[in-house]
Amino acid sequence: MFPFRFHGVFLALTLMLSPALPTFAQQVGSVTSLPLPRFVSMKAAEGNVRRGPSLSHRIDWVFKRRDMPLRITAEHGHWRRVEDRDGMGGWVHYSLLSGNRTVLVEQDMLELLVRPDPRAQVAAALESGVVAKLGSCTLEWCELRSGGFKGWAPKARLWGVGPQELRD
């Protein structure tokens, strides 16, 4: 009985004194060891979206928008399972994707501000559906470039960047 009590006390002390453990481990890709899910963009102007990760799988549709942001959800060899803003997707060859980050504007006439402050001067306004190049991000704001304009927009109005993602 003594060893059991000792073990229980030891276990309780260990749990109390150890640093807090994360409640989940971040998933990483089996091929690249990069985080999953993660955002990328279309490098090509056109890319076949297949039902499975090989050329023998049927093409379900074709993405036809260069720089469109996509979320990678799985990896298999040279193939990446991706989805768009609407959750539609499939398998795309990795050579069609780029690590250059872009976002999709989700609010019509989204104001780009000269600094990340709601009282800042407006530099431009972007229509819903515009693809913009992603720059720095704080917890609430992201710097965007589109059509020769540059400015800051609320992260909550964009698709293609994680809510907790920070970028320098």
C-alpha atoms as a PDB file:
ATOM      1  CA  MET A   1       0.000   0.000   0.000  1.00  0.00           C
ATOM      2  CA  PHE A   2       2.861   2.420   0.693  1.00  0.00           C
ATOM      3  CA  PRO A   3       4.264   2.230  -2.885  1.00  0.00           C
ATOM      4  CA  PHE A   4       0.821   3.010  -4.280  1.00  0.00           C
ATOM      5  CA  ARG A   5       0.433   6.092  -2.097  1.00  0.00           C
ATOM      6  CA  PHE A   6       3.942   7.230  -2.905  1.00  0.00           C
ATOM      7  CA  HIS A   7       3.275   6.790  -6.596  1.00  0.00           C
ATOM      8  CA  GLY A   8       0.008   8.760  -6.321  1.00  0.00           C
ATOM      9  CA  VAL A   9       1.706  11.582  -4.406  1.00  0.00           C
ATOM     10  CA  PHE A  10       4.609  11.599  -6.878  1.00  0.00           C
ATOM     11  CA  LEU A  11       2.189  11.738  -9.813  1.00  0.00           C
ATOM     12  CA  ALA A  12       0.207  14.576  -8.237  1.00  0.00           C
ATOM     13  CA  LEU A  13       3.395  16.562  -7.523  1.00  0.00           C
ATOM     14  CA  THR A  14       4.686  15.945 -11.035  1.00  0.00           C
ATOM     15  CA  LEU A  15       1.464  17.224 -12.573  1.00  0.00           C
ATOM     16  CA  MET A  16       1.389  20.279 -10.317  1.00  0.00           C
ATOM     17  CA  LEU A  17       5.025  21.215 -10.921  1.00  0.00           C
ATOM     18  CA  SER A  18       5.287  20.495 -14.649  1.00  0.00           C
ATOM     19  CA  PRO A  19       4.634  23.337 -17.108  1.00  0.00           C
ATOM     20  CA  ALA A  20       1.240  23.381 -18.753  1.00  0.00           C
ATOM     21  CA  LEU A  21       1.157  21.001 -21.692  1.00  0.00           C
ATOM     22  CA  PRO A  22      -0.525  22.046 -24.930  1.00  0.00           C
ATOM     23  CA  THR A  23      -3.976  20.590 -25.301  1.00  0.00           C
ATOM     24  CA  PHE A  24      -3.286  19.603 -28.909  1.00  0.00           C
ATOM     25  CA  ALA A  25      -0.304  19.006 -31.152  1.00  0.00           C
ATOM     26  CA  GLN A  26      -0.154  20.885 -34.435  1.00  0.00           C
ATOM     27  CA  GLN A  27      -0.565  18.550 -37.378  1.00  0.00           C
ATOM     28  CA  VAL A  28       2.194  18.597 -39.993  1.00  0.00           C
ATOM     29  CA  GLY A  29       2.354  17.261 -43.522  1.00  0.00           C
ATOM     30  CA  SER A  30       3.827  13.805 -43.990  1.00  0.00           C
ATOM     31  CA  VAL A  31       5.855  15.001 -47.007  1.00  0.00           C
ATOM     32  CA  THR A  32       6.972  18.537 -46.145  1.00  0.00           C
ATOM     33  CA  SER A  33       6.641  18.566 -42.344  1.00  0.00           C
ATOM     34  CA  LEU A  34       4.972  21.968 -42.770  1.00  0.00           C
ATOM     35  CA  PRO A  35       1.854  22.805 -40.729  1.00  0.00           C
ATOM     36  CA  LEU A  36      -1.539  21.519 -41.845  1.00  0.00           C
ATOM     37  CA  PRO A  37      -3.730  23.192 -42.704  1.00  0.00           C
ATOM     38  CA  ARG A  38      -1.772  26.064 -44.270  1.00  0.00           C
ATOM     39  CA  PHE A  39      -2.424  28.670 -46.942  1.00  0.00           C
ATOM     40  CA  VAL A  40      -0.751  28.907 -50.351  1.00  0.00           C
ATOM     41  CA  SER A  41      -1.702  30.452 -53.696  1.00  0.00           C
ATOM     42  CA  MET A  42      -2.115  29.233 -57.261  1.00  0.00           C
ATOM     43  CA  LYS A  43       1.133  29.711 -59.163  1.00  0.00           C
ATOM     44  CA  ALA A  44      -0.397  28.716 -62.484  1.00  0.00           C
ATOM     45  CA  ALA A  45      -3.194  30.458 -64.382  1.00  0.00           C
ATOM     46  CA  GLU A  46      -4.947  27.112 -64.633  1.00  0.00           C
ATOM     47  CA  GLY A  47      -4.777  23.939 -62.548  1.00  0.00           C
ATOM     48  CA  ASN A  48      -6.590  20.623 -62.696  1.00  0.00           C
ATOM     49  CA  VAL A  49      -8.298  19.564 -59.487  1.00  0.00           C
ATOM     50  CA  ARG A  50      -8.380  15.783 -59.264  1.00  0.00           C
ATOM     51  CA  ARG A  51     -10.396  13.341 -57.223  1.00  0.00           C
ATOM     52  CA  GLY A  52      -7.223  11.652 -55.913  1.00  0.00           C
ATOM     53  CA  PRO A  53      -3.449  12.224 -55.734  1.00  0.00           C
ATOM     54  CA  SER A  54      -2.334  10.986 -59.178  1.00  0.00           C
ATOM     55  CA  LEU A  55      -2.717  11.666 -62.904  1.00  0.00           C
ATOM     56  CA  SER A  56      -4.920   8.583 -63.195  1.00  0.00           C
ATOM     57  CA  HIS A  57      -7.612  10.151 -61.011  1.00  0.00           C
ATOM     58  CA  ARG A  58     -10.479  11.954 -62.685  1.00  0.00           C
ATOM     59  CA  ILE A  59     -10.369  15.755 -63.059  1.00  0.00           C
ATOM     60  CA  ASP A  60     -13.357  17.159 -61.172  1.00  0.00           C
ATOM     61  CA  TRP A  61     -12.822  20.780 -62.246  1.00  0.00           C
ATOM     62  CA  VAL A  62     -10.156  23.346 -63.106  1.00  0.00           C
ATOM     63  CA  PHE A  63      -9.036  26.308 -60.996  1.00  0.00           C
ATOM     64  CA  LYS A  64      -8.622  29.247 -63.407  1.00  0.00           C
ATOM     65  CA  ARG A  65      -7.349  32.101 -61.285  1.00  0.00           C
ATOM     66  CA  ARG A  66      -3.644  32.792 -60.820  1.00  0.00           C
ATOM     67  CA  ASP A  67      -2.758  33.891 -57.258  1.00  0.00           C
ATOM     68  CA  MET A  68      -6.033  32.548 -55.809  1.00  0.00           C
ATOM     69  CA  PRO A  69      -5.517  31.666 -52.124  1.00  0.00           C
ATOM     70  CA  LEU A  70      -6.008  28.001 -51.243  1.00  0.00           C
ATOM     71  CA  ARG A  71      -5.759  26.008 -48.022  1.00  0.00           C
ATOM     72  CA  ILE A  72      -3.676  22.809 -48.073  1.00  0.00           C
ATOM     73  CA  THR A  73      -5.318  20.141 -45.908  1.00  0.00           C
ATOM     74  CA  ALA A  74      -3.281  17.029 -46.834  1.00  0.00           C
ATOM     75  CA  GLU A  75      -0.163  15.854 -48.657  1.00  0.00           C
ATOM     76  CA  HIS A  76       0.656  12.721 -50.626  1.00  0.00           C
ATOM     77  CA  GLY A  77       3.889  12.566 -52.617  1.00  0.00           C
ATOM     78  CA  HIS A  78       3.891  15.457 -55.106  1.00  0.00           C
ATOM     79  CA  TRP A  79       0.198  16.113 -54.543  1.00  0.00           C
ATOM     80  CA  ARG A  80      -1.586  18.494 -52.184  1.00  0.00           C
ATOM     81  CA  ARG A  81      -5.243  18.338 -51.228  1.00  0.00           C
ATOM     82  CA  VAL A  82      -6.509  21.917 -51.336  1.00  0.00           C
ATOM     83  CA  GLU A  83      -9.748  23.753 -50.759  1.00  0.00           C
ATOM     84  CA  ASP A  84     -10.939  27.196 -51.712  1.00  0.00           C
ATOM     85  CA  ARG A  85     -12.940  29.720 -49.700  1.00  0.00           C
ATOM     86  CA  ASP A  86     -16.131  27.744 -50.283  1.00  0.00           C
ATOM     87  CA  GLY A  87     -14.587  24.467 -49.092  1.00  0.00           C
ATOM     88  CA  MET A  88     -14.460  23.076 -52.619  1.00  0.00           C
ATOM     89  CA  GLY A  89     -11.291  21.356 -53.673  1.00  0.00           C
ATOM     90  CA  GLY A  90      -9.404  18.212 -54.422  1.00  0.00           C
ATOM     91  CA  TRP A  91      -5.882  17.127 -55.276  1.00  0.00           C
ATOM     92  CA  VAL A  92      -3.500  19.458 -57.147  1.00  0.00           C
ATOM     93  CA  HIS A  93       0.105  18.819 -58.218  1.00  0.00           C
ATOM     94  CA  TYR A  94       2.471  20.791 -55.982  1.00  0.00           C
ATOM     95  CA  SER A  95       4.143  22.493 -58.986  1.00  0.00           C
ATOM     96  CA  LEU A  96       0.929  24.487 -59.545  1.00  0.00           C
ATOM     97  CA  LEU A  97       1.109  26.034 -56.055  1.00  0.00           C
ATOM     98  CA  SER A  98       3.192  28.851 -54.600  1.00  0.00           C
ATOM     99  CA  GLY A  99       4.179  29.819 -51.089  1.00  0.00           C
ATOM    100  CA  ASN A 100       3.536  33.473 -52.024  1.00  0.00           C
ATOM    101  CA  ARG A 101       0.622  34.450 -49.852  1.00  0.00           C
ATOM    102  CA  THR A 102      -2.528  36.095 -51.100  1.00  0.00           C
ATOM    103  CA  VAL A 103      -5.963  36.704 -49.604  1.00  0.00           C
ATOM    104  CA  LEU A 104      -9.467  37.033 -50.949  1.00  0.00           C
ATOM    105  CA  VAL A 105     -11.393  40.160 -49.959  1.00  0.00           C
ATOM    106  CA  GLU A 106     -14.720  39.120 -48.421  1.00  0.00           C
ATOM    107  CA  GLN A 107     -16.349  42.547 -47.982  1.00  0.00           C
ATOM    108  CA  ASP A 108     -17.445  44.794 -50.798  1.00  0.00           C
ATOM    109  CA  MET A 109     -15.632  48.126 -50.911  1.00  0.00           C
ATOM    110  CA  LEU A 110     -13.245  47.102 -48.133  1.00  0.00           C
ATOM    111  CA  GLU A 111     -11.243  50.170 -47.176  1.00  0.00           C
ATOM    112  CA  LEU A 112      -7.448  49.908 -47.165  1.00  0.00           C
ATOM    113  CA  LEU A 113      -6.131  52.246 -44.487  1.00  0.00           C
ATOM    114  CA  VAL A 114      -2.691  53.886 -44.400  1.00  0.00           C
ATOM    115  CA  ARG A 115      -2.030  52.315 -40.989  1.00  0.00           C
ATOM    116  CA  PRO A 116      -3.715  49.627 -38.844  1.00  0.00           C
ATOM    117  CA  ASP A 117      -6.088  52.001 -37.088  1.00  0.00           C
ATOM    118  CA  PRO A 118      -9.828  52.381 -37.802  1.00  0.00           C
ATOM    119  CA  ARG A 119      -9.393  56.192 -37.658  1.00  0.00           C
ATOM    120  CA  ALA A 120      -6.603  56.201 -40.279  1.00  0.00           C
ATOM    121  CA  GLN A 121      -6.903  57.778 -43.716  1.00  0.00           C
ATOM    122  CA  VAL A 122      -8.307  55.595 -46.504  1.00  0.00           C
ATOM    123  CA  ALA A 123      -5.769  54.679 -49.199  1.00  0.00           C
ATOM    124  CA  ALA A 124      -8.135  52.699 -51.459  1.00  0.00           C
ATOM    125  CA  ALA A 125     -11.243  50.520 -51.453  1.00  0.00           C
ATOM    126  CA  LEU A 126     -11.320  46.932 -52.754  1.00  0.00           C
ATOM    127  CA  GLU A 127     -14.320  45.102 -54.154  1.00  0.00           C
ATOM    128  CA  SER A 128     -15.442  41.761 -52.787  1.00  0.00           C
ATOM    129  CA  GLY A 129     -13.613  38.905 -54.534  1.00  0.00           C
ATOM    130  CA  VAL A 130     -10.413  40.841 -55.199  1.00  0.00           C
ATOM    131  CA  VAL A 131      -7.227  38.825 -54.672  1.00  0.00           C
ATOM    132  CA  ALA A 132      -4.567  40.865 -52.848  1.00  0.00           C
ATOM    133  CA  LYS A 133      -0.963  40.100 -51.945  1.00  0.00           C
ATOM    134  CA  LEU A 134      -0.542  39.533 -48.217  1.00  0.00           C
ATOM    135  CA  GLY A 135       2.091  41.406 -46.241  1.00  0.00           C
ATOM    136  CA  SER A 136       2.486  41.845 -42.484  1.00  0.00           C
ATOM    137  CA  CYS A 137      -0.297  40.823 -40.096  1.00  0.00           C
ATOM    138  CA  THR A 138      -1.060  41.589 -36.476  1.00  0.00           C
ATOM    139  CA  LEU A 139      -3.786  39.766 -34.570  1.00  0.00           C
ATOM    140  CA  GLU A 140      -6.429  42.107 -36.037  1.00  0.00           C
ATOM    141  CA  TRP A 141      -4.964  43.706 -39.182  1.00  0.00           C
ATOM    142  CA  CYS A 142      -3.145  42.678 -42.379  1.00  0.00           C
ATOM    143  CA  GLU A 143      -1.197  44.769 -44.838  1.00  0.00           C
ATOM    144  CA  LEU A 144      -2.335  44.222 -48.439  1.00  0.00           C
ATOM    145  CA  ARG A 145      -1.140  45.192 -51.917  1.00  0.00           C
ATOM    146  CA  SER A 146      -3.499  45.247 -54.884  1.00  0.00           C
ATOM    147  CA  GLY A 147      -3.779  47.246 -58.099  1.00  0.00           C
ATOM    148  CA  GLY A 148      -0.860  49.491 -57.192  1.00  0.00           C
ATOM    149  CA  PHE A 149      -2.369  50.337 -53.813  1.00  0.00           C
ATOM    150  CA  LYS A 150      -1.055  49.371 -50.397  1.00  0.00           C
ATOM    151  CA  GLY A 151      -2.794  49.550 -47.039  1.00  0.00           C
ATOM    152  CA  TRP A 152      -4.136  47.796 -43.961  1.00  0.00           C
ATOM    153  CA  ALA A 153      -7.443  45.944 -43.660  1.00  0.00           C
ATOM    154  CA  PRO A 154      -9.170  44.085 -40.815  1.00  0.00           C
ATOM    155  CA  LYS A 155      -8.131  40.428 -40.872  1.00  0.00           C
ATOM    156  CA  ALA A 156     -11.729  39.338 -40.213  1.00  0.00           C
ATOM    157  CA  ARG A 157     -12.696  40.629 -43.706  1.00  0.00           C
ATOM    158  CA  LEU A 158     -10.162  38.404 -45.509  1.00  0.00           C
ATOM    159  CA  TRP A 159      -9.941  34.729 -46.476  1.00  0.00           C
ATOM    160  CA  GLY A 160      -6.495  33.191 -46.764  1.00  0.00           C
ATOM    161  CA  VAL A 161      -4.944  34.055 -43.419  1.00  0.00           C
ATOM    162  CA  GLY A 162      -5.435  32.338 -40.067  1.00  0.00           C
ATOM    163  CA  PRO A 163      -7.209  34.250 -37.269  1.00  0.00           C
ATOM    164  CA  GLN A 164      -4.222  33.883 -34.923  1.00  0.00           C
ATOM    165  CA  GLU A 165      -1.565  34.158 -37.644  1.00  0.00           C
ATOM    166  CA  LEU A 166       1.119  36.822 -37.228  1.00  0.00           C
ATOM    167  CA  ARG A 167       3.379  37.868 -40.116  1.00  0.00           C
ATOM    168  CA  ASP A 168       6.354  40.241 -40.273  1.00  0.00           C
END
